[in-house]
mmCIF file of all heavy atoms, coordinates in Angstrom:
data_MODEL
# 
_entry.id   MODEL 
# 
loop_
_atom_site.group_PDB 
_atom_site.id 
_atom_site.type_symbol 
_atom_site.label_atom_id 
_atom_site.label_alt_id 
_atom_site.label_comp_id 
_atom_site.label_asym_id 
_atom_site.label_entity_id 
_atom_site.label_seq_id 
_atom_site.pdbx_PDB_ins_code 
_atom_site.Cartn_x 
_atom_site.Cartn_y 
_atom_site.Cartn_z 
_atom_site.occupancy 
_atom_site.B_iso_or_equiv 
_atom_site.pdbx_formal_charge 
_atom_site.auth_seq_id 
_atom_site.auth_comp_id 
_atom_site.auth_asym_id 
_atom_site.auth_atom_id 
_atom_site.pdbx_PDB_model_num 
ATOM 1   N N   . ARG A 1 1  ? -16.243 -3.484  9.544  1.00 0.00 ? 1  ARG A N   1 
ATOM 2   C CA  . ARG A 1 1  ? -15.112 -3.972  10.392 1.00 0.00 ? 1  ARG A CA  1 
ATOM 3   C C   . ARG A 1 1  ? -13.909 -4.164  9.501  1.00 0.00 ? 1  ARG A C   1 
ATOM 4   O O   . ARG A 1 1  ? -13.966 -4.532  8.271  1.00 0.00 ? 1  ARG A O   1 
ATOM 5   C CB  . ARG A 1 1  ? -15.392 -5.363  10.973 1.00 0.00 ? 1  ARG A CB  1 
ATOM 6   C CG  . ARG A 1 1  ? -16.562 -5.318  11.975 1.00 0.00 ? 1  ARG A CG  1 
ATOM 7   C CD  . ARG A 1 1  ? -16.747 -6.734  12.644 1.00 0.00 ? 1  ARG A CD  1 
ATOM 8   N NE  . ARG A 1 1  ? -15.623 -7.037  13.513 1.00 0.00 ? 1  ARG A NE  1 
ATOM 9   C CZ  . ARG A 1 1  ? -15.055 -8.240  13.491 1.00 0.00 ? 1  ARG A CZ  1 
ATOM 10  N NH1 . ARG A 1 1  ? -15.481 -9.203  12.724 1.00 0.00 ? 1  ARG A NH1 1 
ATOM 11  N NH2 . ARG A 1 1  ? -14.032 -8.481  14.302 1.00 0.00 ? 1  ARG A NH2 1 
ATOM 12  N N   . VAL A 1 2  ? -12.736 -3.774  10.048 1.00 0.00 ? 2  VAL A N   1 
ATOM 13  C CA  . VAL A 1 2  ? -11.473 -3.962  9.400  1.00 0.00 ? 2  VAL A CA  1 
ATOM 14  C C   . VAL A 1 2  ? -10.451 -4.535  10.319 1.00 0.00 ? 2  VAL A C   1 
ATOM 15  O O   . VAL A 1 2  ? -10.422 -4.420  11.508 1.00 0.00 ? 2  VAL A O   1 
ATOM 16  C CB  . VAL A 1 2  ? -10.851 -2.611  8.787  1.00 0.00 ? 2  VAL A CB  1 
ATOM 17  C CG1 . VAL A 1 2  ? -11.785 -2.032  7.739  1.00 0.00 ? 2  VAL A CG1 1 
ATOM 18  C CG2 . VAL A 1 2  ? -10.630 -1.582  9.958  1.00 0.00 ? 2  VAL A CG2 1 
ATOM 19  N N   . GLU A 1 3  ? -9.466  -5.204  9.704  1.00 0.00 ? 3  GLU A N   1 
ATOM 20  C CA  . GLU A 1 3  ? -8.305  -5.740  10.455 1.00 0.00 ? 3  GLU A CA  1 
ATOM 21  C C   . GLU A 1 3  ? -7.038  -4.839  9.966  1.00 0.00 ? 3  GLU A C   1 
ATOM 22  O O   . GLU A 1 3  ? -6.830  -4.710  8.709  1.00 0.00 ? 3  GLU A O   1 
ATOM 23  C CB  . GLU A 1 3  ? -8.039  -7.195  10.041 1.00 0.00 ? 3  GLU A CB  1 
ATOM 24  C CG  . GLU A 1 3  ? -6.801  -7.756  10.728 1.00 0.00 ? 3  GLU A CG  1 
ATOM 25  C CD  . GLU A 1 3  ? -6.417  -9.105  10.263 1.00 0.00 ? 3  GLU A CD  1 
ATOM 26  O OE1 . GLU A 1 3  ? -6.936  -10.113 10.709 1.00 0.00 ? 3  GLU A OE1 1 
ATOM 27  O OE2 . GLU A 1 3  ? -5.635  -9.148  9.248  1.00 0.00 ? 3  GLU A OE2 1 
ATOM 28  N N   . VAL A 1 4  ? -6.331  -4.359  10.954 1.00 0.00 ? 4  VAL A N   1 
ATOM 29  C CA  . VAL A 1 4  ? -5.162  -3.464  10.676 1.00 0.00 ? 4  VAL A CA  1 
ATOM 30  C C   . VAL A 1 4  ? -3.923  -4.160  11.190 1.00 0.00 ? 4  VAL A C   1 
ATOM 31  O O   . VAL A 1 4  ? -3.898  -4.681  12.315 1.00 0.00 ? 4  VAL A O   1 
ATOM 32  C CB  . VAL A 1 4  ? -5.407  -2.107  11.210 1.00 0.00 ? 4  VAL A CB  1 
ATOM 33  C CG1 . VAL A 1 4  ? -4.224  -1.151  11.102 1.00 0.00 ? 4  VAL A CG1 1 
ATOM 34  C CG2 . VAL A 1 4  ? -6.608  -1.466  10.711 1.00 0.00 ? 4  VAL A CG2 1 
ATOM 35  N N   . ARG A 1 5  ? -2.828  -4.070  10.371 1.00 0.00 ? 5  ARG A N   1 
ATOM 36  C CA  . ARG A 1 5  ? -1.529  -4.487  10.789 1.00 0.00 ? 5  ARG A CA  1 
ATOM 37  C C   . ARG A 1 5  ? -0.591  -3.387  10.927 1.00 0.00 ? 5  ARG A C   1 
ATOM 38  O O   . ARG A 1 5  ? -0.358  -2.731  9.857  1.00 0.00 ? 5  ARG A O   1 
ATOM 39  C CB  . ARG A 1 5  ? -1.021  -5.626  9.987  1.00 0.00 ? 5  ARG A CB  1 
ATOM 40  C CG  . ARG A 1 5  ? -1.720  -6.943  10.139 1.00 0.00 ? 5  ARG A CG  1 
ATOM 41  C CD  . ARG A 1 5  ? -1.002  -8.019  9.393  1.00 0.00 ? 5  ARG A CD  1 
ATOM 42  N NE  . ARG A 1 5  ? -1.591  -9.382  9.769  1.00 0.00 ? 5  ARG A NE  1 
ATOM 43  C CZ  . ARG A 1 5  ? -1.122  -10.513 9.266  1.00 0.00 ? 5  ARG A CZ  1 
ATOM 44  N NH1 . ARG A 1 5  ? -0.023  -10.527 8.503  1.00 0.00 ? 5  ARG A NH1 1 
ATOM 45  N NH2 . ARG A 1 5  ? -1.748  -11.602 9.608  1.00 0.00 ? 5  ARG A NH2 1 
ATOM 46  N N   . ALA A 1 6  ? 0.081   -3.136  11.997 1.00 0.00 ? 6  ALA A N   1 
ATOM 47  C CA  . ALA A 1 6  ? 0.983   -2.058  12.186 1.00 0.00 ? 6  ALA A CA  1 
ATOM 48  C C   . ALA A 1 6  ? 2.368   -2.558  12.570 1.00 0.00 ? 6  ALA A C   1 
ATOM 49  O O   . ALA A 1 6  ? 2.529   -3.328  13.568 1.00 0.00 ? 6  ALA A O   1 
ATOM 50  C CB  . ALA A 1 6  ? 0.486   -1.074  13.241 1.00 0.00 ? 6  ALA A CB  1 
ATOM 51  N N   . PRO A 1 7  ? 3.388   -2.231  11.772 1.00 0.00 ? 7  PRO A N   1 
ATOM 52  C CA  . PRO A 1 7  ? 4.707   -2.916  12.016 1.00 0.00 ? 7  PRO A CA  1 
ATOM 53  C C   . PRO A 1 7  ? 5.621   -2.318  13.151 1.00 0.00 ? 7  PRO A C   1 
ATOM 54  O O   . PRO A 1 7  ? 5.502   -1.212  13.488 1.00 0.00 ? 7  PRO A O   1 
ATOM 55  C CB  . PRO A 1 7  ? 5.387   -2.648  10.631 1.00 0.00 ? 7  PRO A CB  1 
ATOM 56  C CG  . PRO A 1 7  ? 4.861   -1.271  10.243 1.00 0.00 ? 7  PRO A CG  1 
ATOM 57  C CD  . PRO A 1 7  ? 3.401   -1.253  10.666 1.00 0.00 ? 7  PRO A CD  1 
ATOM 58  N N   . ALA A 1 8  ? 6.549   -3.206  13.523 1.00 0.00 ? 8  ALA A N   1 
ATOM 59  C CA  . ALA A 1 8  ? 7.621   -2.709  14.379 1.00 0.00 ? 8  ALA A CA  1 
ATOM 60  C C   . ALA A 1 8  ? 8.480   -1.712  13.546 1.00 0.00 ? 8  ALA A C   1 
ATOM 61  O O   . ALA A 1 8  ? 8.516   -1.763  12.255 1.00 0.00 ? 8  ALA A O   1 
ATOM 62  C CB  . ALA A 1 8  ? 8.497   -3.887  14.786 1.00 0.00 ? 8  ALA A CB  1 
ATOM 63  N N   . THR A 1 9  ? 9.157   -0.917  14.256 1.00 0.00 ? 9  THR A N   1 
ATOM 64  C CA  . THR A 1 9  ? 10.029  0.054   13.590 1.00 0.00 ? 9  THR A CA  1 
ATOM 65  C C   . THR A 1 9  ? 11.374  0.268   14.431 1.00 0.00 ? 9  THR A C   1 
ATOM 66  O O   . THR A 1 9  ? 11.367  -0.086  15.673 1.00 0.00 ? 9  THR A O   1 
ATOM 67  C CB  . THR A 1 9  ? 9.400   1.455   13.459 1.00 0.00 ? 9  THR A CB  1 
ATOM 68  O OG1 . THR A 1 9  ? 8.936   1.850   14.740 1.00 0.00 ? 9  THR A OG1 1 
ATOM 69  C CG2 . THR A 1 9  ? 8.306   1.458   12.510 1.00 0.00 ? 9  THR A CG2 1 
ATOM 70  N N   . ILE A 1 10 ? 12.442  0.624   13.777 1.00 0.00 ? 10 ILE A N   1 
ATOM 71  C CA  . ILE A 1 10 ? 13.653  0.993   14.413 1.00 0.00 ? 10 ILE A CA  1 
ATOM 72  C C   . ILE A 1 10 ? 13.960  2.468   14.164 1.00 0.00 ? 10 ILE A C   1 
ATOM 73  O O   . ILE A 1 10 ? 13.801  2.886   13.037 1.00 0.00 ? 10 ILE A O   1 
ATOM 74  C CB  . ILE A 1 10 ? 14.853  0.117   13.919 1.00 0.00 ? 10 ILE A CB  1 
ATOM 75  C CG1 . ILE A 1 10 ? 16.178  0.578   14.603 1.00 0.00 ? 10 ILE A CG1 1 
ATOM 76  C CG2 . ILE A 1 10 ? 14.921  0.040   12.504 1.00 0.00 ? 10 ILE A CG2 1 
ATOM 77  C CD1 . ILE A 1 10 ? 17.320  -0.284  14.201 1.00 0.00 ? 10 ILE A CD1 1 
ATOM 78  N N   . ALA A 1 11 ? 14.168  3.174   15.211 1.00 0.00 ? 11 ALA A N   1 
ATOM 79  C CA  . ALA A 1 11 ? 14.577  4.617   15.127 1.00 0.00 ? 11 ALA A CA  1 
ATOM 80  C C   . ALA A 1 11 ? 16.123  4.706   15.281 1.00 0.00 ? 11 ALA A C   1 
ATOM 81  O O   . ALA A 1 11 ? 16.781  3.919   15.860 1.00 0.00 ? 11 ALA A O   1 
ATOM 82  C CB  . ALA A 1 11 ? 13.803  5.469   16.126 1.00 0.00 ? 11 ALA A CB  1 
ATOM 83  N N   . ASN A 1 12 ? 16.643  5.766   14.636 1.00 0.00 ? 12 ASN A N   1 
ATOM 84  C CA  . ASN A 1 12 ? 17.961  6.182   14.735 1.00 0.00 ? 12 ASN A CA  1 
ATOM 85  C C   . ASN A 1 12 ? 18.944  5.494   13.777 1.00 0.00 ? 12 ASN A C   1 
ATOM 86  O O   . ASN A 1 12 ? 19.715  6.101   13.064 1.00 0.00 ? 12 ASN A O   1 
ATOM 87  C CB  . ASN A 1 12 ? 18.528  6.033   16.189 1.00 0.00 ? 12 ASN A CB  1 
ATOM 88  C CG  . ASN A 1 12 ? 17.822  6.824   17.186 1.00 0.00 ? 12 ASN A CG  1 
ATOM 89  O OD1 . ASN A 1 12 ? 17.000  7.711   16.896 1.00 0.00 ? 12 ASN A OD1 1 
ATOM 90  N ND2 . ASN A 1 12 ? 17.969  6.415   18.495 1.00 0.00 ? 12 ASN A ND2 1 
ATOM 91  N N   . LEU A 1 13 ? 18.877  4.081   13.734 1.00 0.00 ? 13 LEU A N   1 
ATOM 92  C CA  . LEU A 1 13 ? 19.795  3.395   12.878 1.00 0.00 ? 13 LEU A CA  1 
ATOM 93  C C   . LEU A 1 13 ? 21.307  3.675   13.133 1.00 0.00 ? 13 LEU A C   1 
ATOM 94  O O   . LEU A 1 13 ? 22.088  3.869   12.201 1.00 0.00 ? 13 LEU A O   1 
ATOM 95  C CB  . LEU A 1 13 ? 19.439  3.414   11.397 1.00 0.00 ? 13 LEU A CB  1 
ATOM 96  C CG  . LEU A 1 13 ? 18.186  2.597   10.997 1.00 0.00 ? 13 LEU A CG  1 
ATOM 97  C CD1 . LEU A 1 13 ? 16.863  3.604   11.110 1.00 0.00 ? 13 LEU A CD1 1 
ATOM 98  C CD2 . LEU A 1 13 ? 18.271  2.077   9.637  1.00 0.00 ? 13 LEU A CD2 1 
ATOM 99  N N   . GLY A 1 14 ? 21.605  3.947   14.354 1.00 0.00 ? 14 GLY A N   1 
ATOM 100 C CA  . GLY A 1 14 ? 22.977  4.256   14.653 1.00 0.00 ? 14 GLY A CA  1 
ATOM 101 C C   . GLY A 1 14 ? 23.283  5.671   14.514 1.00 0.00 ? 14 GLY A C   1 
ATOM 102 O O   . GLY A 1 14 ? 23.510  6.441   15.482 1.00 0.00 ? 14 GLY A O   1 
ATOM 103 N N   . ILE A 1 15 ? 23.427  6.149   13.274 1.00 0.00 ? 15 ILE A N   1 
ATOM 104 C CA  . ILE A 1 15 ? 23.925  7.451   13.023 1.00 0.00 ? 15 ILE A CA  1 
ATOM 105 C C   . ILE A 1 15 ? 22.876  8.529   12.885 1.00 0.00 ? 15 ILE A C   1 
ATOM 106 O O   . ILE A 1 15 ? 23.156  9.732   12.943 1.00 0.00 ? 15 ILE A O   1 
ATOM 107 C CB  . ILE A 1 15 ? 24.705  7.375   11.570 1.00 0.00 ? 15 ILE A CB  1 
ATOM 108 C CG1 . ILE A 1 15 ? 25.556  8.733   11.406 1.00 0.00 ? 15 ILE A CG1 1 
ATOM 109 C CG2 . ILE A 1 15 ? 23.804  7.193   10.473 1.00 0.00 ? 15 ILE A CG2 1 
ATOM 110 C CD1 . ILE A 1 15 ? 26.560  8.998   12.452 1.00 0.00 ? 15 ILE A CD1 1 
ATOM 111 N N   . GLY A 1 16 ? 21.601  8.178   12.862 1.00 0.00 ? 16 GLY A N   1 
ATOM 112 C CA  . GLY A 1 16 ? 20.531  9.122   12.581 1.00 0.00 ? 16 GLY A CA  1 
ATOM 113 C C   . GLY A 1 16 ? 19.644  9.441   13.789 1.00 0.00 ? 16 GLY A C   1 
ATOM 114 O O   . GLY A 1 16 ? 18.419  9.201   13.634 1.00 0.00 ? 16 GLY A O   1 
ATOM 115 N N   . PHE A 1 17 ? 20.127  9.838   14.931 1.00 0.00 ? 17 PHE A N   1 
ATOM 116 C CA  . PHE A 1 17 ? 19.373  10.099  16.203 1.00 0.00 ? 17 PHE A CA  1 
ATOM 117 C C   . PHE A 1 17 ? 18.219  11.033  15.796 1.00 0.00 ? 17 PHE A C   1 
ATOM 118 O O   . PHE A 1 17 ? 18.353  12.193  15.400 1.00 0.00 ? 17 PHE A O   1 
ATOM 119 C CB  . PHE A 1 17 ? 20.274  10.684  17.231 1.00 0.00 ? 17 PHE A CB  1 
ATOM 120 C CG  . PHE A 1 17 ? 19.554  11.029  18.523 1.00 0.00 ? 17 PHE A CG  1 
ATOM 121 C CD1 . PHE A 1 17 ? 19.041  9.964   19.260 1.00 0.00 ? 17 PHE A CD1 1 
ATOM 122 C CD2 . PHE A 1 17 ? 19.412  12.260  18.877 1.00 0.00 ? 17 PHE A CD2 1 
ATOM 123 C CE1 . PHE A 1 17 ? 18.308  10.232  20.444 1.00 0.00 ? 17 PHE A CE1 1 
ATOM 124 C CE2 . PHE A 1 17 ? 18.755  12.573  20.058 1.00 0.00 ? 17 PHE A CE2 1 
ATOM 125 C CZ  . PHE A 1 17 ? 18.184  11.534  20.853 1.00 0.00 ? 17 PHE A CZ  1 
ATOM 126 N N   . ASP A 1 18 ? 17.044  10.536  16.124 1.00 0.00 ? 18 ASP A N   1 
ATOM 127 C CA  . ASP A 1 18 ? 15.741  11.309  15.907 1.00 0.00 ? 18 ASP A CA  1 
ATOM 128 C C   . ASP A 1 18 ? 15.448  11.729  14.458 1.00 0.00 ? 18 ASP A C   1 
ATOM 129 O O   . ASP A 1 18 ? 14.515  12.460  14.270 1.00 0.00 ? 18 ASP A O   1 
ATOM 130 C CB  . ASP A 1 18 ? 15.771  12.518  16.878 1.00 0.00 ? 18 ASP A CB  1 
ATOM 131 C CG  . ASP A 1 18 ? 15.287  12.219  18.204 1.00 0.00 ? 18 ASP A CG  1 
ATOM 132 O OD1 . ASP A 1 18 ? 15.078  11.004  18.585 1.00 0.00 ? 18 ASP A OD1 1 
ATOM 133 O OD2 . ASP A 1 18 ? 15.217  13.140  19.080 1.00 0.00 ? 18 ASP A OD2 1 
ATOM 134 N N   . VAL A 1 19 ? 16.249  11.262  13.551 1.00 0.00 ? 19 VAL A N   1 
ATOM 135 C CA  . VAL A 1 19 ? 15.992  11.731  12.141 1.00 0.00 ? 19 VAL A CA  1 
ATOM 136 C C   . VAL A 1 19 ? 15.796  10.555  11.184 1.00 0.00 ? 19 VAL A C   1 
ATOM 137 O O   . VAL A 1 19 ? 15.449  10.735  9.982  1.00 0.00 ? 19 VAL A O   1 
ATOM 138 C CB  . VAL A 1 19 ? 16.969  12.715  11.569 1.00 0.00 ? 19 VAL A CB  1 
ATOM 139 C CG1 . VAL A 1 19 ? 17.089  13.973  12.451 1.00 0.00 ? 19 VAL A CG1 1 
ATOM 140 C CG2 . VAL A 1 19 ? 18.310  12.029  11.477 1.00 0.00 ? 19 VAL A CG2 1 
ATOM 141 N N   . LEU A 1 20 ? 16.072  9.334   11.626 1.00 0.00 ? 20 LEU A N   1 
ATOM 142 C CA  . LEU A 1 20 ? 15.858  8.112   10.765 1.00 0.00 ? 20 LEU A CA  1 
ATOM 143 C C   . LEU A 1 20 ? 14.967  7.115   11.380 1.00 0.00 ? 20 LEU A C   1 
ATOM 144 O O   . LEU A 1 20 ? 15.057  6.918   12.629 1.00 0.00 ? 20 LEU A O   1 
ATOM 145 C CB  . LEU A 1 20 ? 17.263  7.437   10.470 1.00 0.00 ? 20 LEU A CB  1 
ATOM 146 C CG  . LEU A 1 20 ? 18.287  8.193   9.601  1.00 0.00 ? 20 LEU A CG  1 
ATOM 147 C CD1 . LEU A 1 20 ? 19.538  7.448   9.573  1.00 0.00 ? 20 LEU A CD1 1 
ATOM 148 C CD2 . LEU A 1 20 ? 17.718  8.466   8.185  1.00 0.00 ? 20 LEU A CD2 1 
ATOM 149 N N   . GLY A 1 21 ? 14.160  6.536   10.656 1.00 0.00 ? 21 GLY A N   1 
ATOM 150 C CA  . GLY A 1 21 ? 13.251  5.424   11.101 1.00 0.00 ? 21 GLY A CA  1 
ATOM 151 C C   . GLY A 1 21 ? 12.954  4.443   9.978  1.00 0.00 ? 21 GLY A C   1 
ATOM 152 O O   . GLY A 1 21 ? 12.808  4.860   8.810  1.00 0.00 ? 21 GLY A O   1 
ATOM 153 N N   . MET A 1 22 ? 12.832  3.155   10.340 1.00 0.00 ? 22 MET A N   1 
ATOM 154 C CA  . MET A 1 22 ? 12.629  2.152   9.433  1.00 0.00 ? 22 MET A CA  1 
ATOM 155 C C   . MET A 1 22 ? 11.525  1.117   9.871  1.00 0.00 ? 22 MET A C   1 
ATOM 156 O O   . MET A 1 22 ? 11.579  0.805   11.053 1.00 0.00 ? 22 MET A O   1 
ATOM 157 C CB  . MET A 1 22 ? 13.896  1.314   9.045  1.00 0.00 ? 22 MET A CB  1 
ATOM 158 C CG  . MET A 1 22 ? 13.707  0.215   8.043  1.00 0.00 ? 22 MET A CG  1 
ATOM 159 S SD  . MET A 1 22 ? 15.180  -0.847  7.901  1.00 0.00 ? 22 MET A SD  1 
ATOM 160 C CE  . MET A 1 22 ? 16.230  0.264   6.932  1.00 0.00 ? 22 MET A CE  1 
ATOM 161 N N   . ALA A 1 23 ? 10.700  0.718   9.002  1.00 0.00 ? 23 ALA A N   1 
ATOM 162 C CA  . ALA A 1 23 ? 9.683   -0.280  9.339  1.00 0.00 ? 23 ALA A CA  1 
ATOM 163 C C   . ALA A 1 23 ? 10.195  -1.722  9.005  1.00 0.00 ? 23 ALA A C   1 
ATOM 164 O O   . ALA A 1 23 ? 10.980  -1.881  8.046  1.00 0.00 ? 23 ALA A O   1 
ATOM 165 C CB  . ALA A 1 23 ? 8.425   -0.077  8.611  1.00 0.00 ? 23 ALA A CB  1 
ATOM 166 N N   . PHE A 1 24 ? 9.800   -2.672  9.810  1.00 0.00 ? 24 PHE A N   1 
ATOM 167 C CA  . PHE A 1 24 ? 10.134  -4.056  9.646  1.00 0.00 ? 24 PHE A CA  1 
ATOM 168 C C   . PHE A 1 24 ? 8.898   -4.918  9.232  1.00 0.00 ? 24 PHE A C   1 
ATOM 169 O O   . PHE A 1 24 ? 7.786   -4.567  9.705  1.00 0.00 ? 24 PHE A O   1 
ATOM 170 C CB  . PHE A 1 24 ? 10.757  -4.683  10.881 1.00 0.00 ? 24 PHE A CB  1 
ATOM 171 C CG  . PHE A 1 24 ? 12.134  -4.260  11.287 1.00 0.00 ? 24 PHE A CG  1 
ATOM 172 C CD1 . PHE A 1 24 ? 12.466  -3.818  12.508 1.00 0.00 ? 24 PHE A CD1 1 
ATOM 173 C CD2 . PHE A 1 24 ? 13.133  -4.292  10.242 1.00 0.00 ? 24 PHE A CD2 1 
ATOM 174 C CE1 . PHE A 1 24 ? 13.733  -3.396  12.787 1.00 0.00 ? 24 PHE A CE1 1 
ATOM 175 C CE2 . PHE A 1 24 ? 14.459  -3.884  10.542 1.00 0.00 ? 24 PHE A CE2 1 
ATOM 176 C CZ  . PHE A 1 24 ? 14.675  -3.442  11.840 1.00 0.00 ? 24 PHE A CZ  1 
ATOM 177 N N   . GLU A 1 25 ? 9.159   -5.964  8.490  1.00 0.00 ? 25 GLU A N   1 
ATOM 178 C CA  . GLU A 1 25 ? 8.019   -6.845  8.197  1.00 0.00 ? 25 GLU A CA  1 
ATOM 179 C C   . GLU A 1 25 ? 7.444   -7.604  9.384  1.00 0.00 ? 25 GLU A C   1 
ATOM 180 O O   . GLU A 1 25 ? 6.233   -7.836  9.535  1.00 0.00 ? 25 GLU A O   1 
ATOM 181 C CB  . GLU A 1 25 ? 8.421   -7.860  7.105  1.00 0.00 ? 25 GLU A CB  1 
ATOM 182 C CG  . GLU A 1 25 ? 8.675   -7.259  5.774  1.00 0.00 ? 25 GLU A CG  1 
ATOM 183 C CD  . GLU A 1 25 ? 9.028   -8.329  4.703  1.00 0.00 ? 25 GLU A CD  1 
ATOM 184 O OE1 . GLU A 1 25 ? 9.290   -9.563  5.170  1.00 0.00 ? 25 GLU A OE1 1 
ATOM 185 O OE2 . GLU A 1 25 ? 9.168   -7.973  3.514  1.00 0.00 ? 25 GLU A OE2 1 
# 
């Protein structure tokens, strides 16, 4: 058995439509 944590992310970051993405804590 394992516990997995998967983070929220933001795509685009304003200027980078469909090419930028960032993970949040």
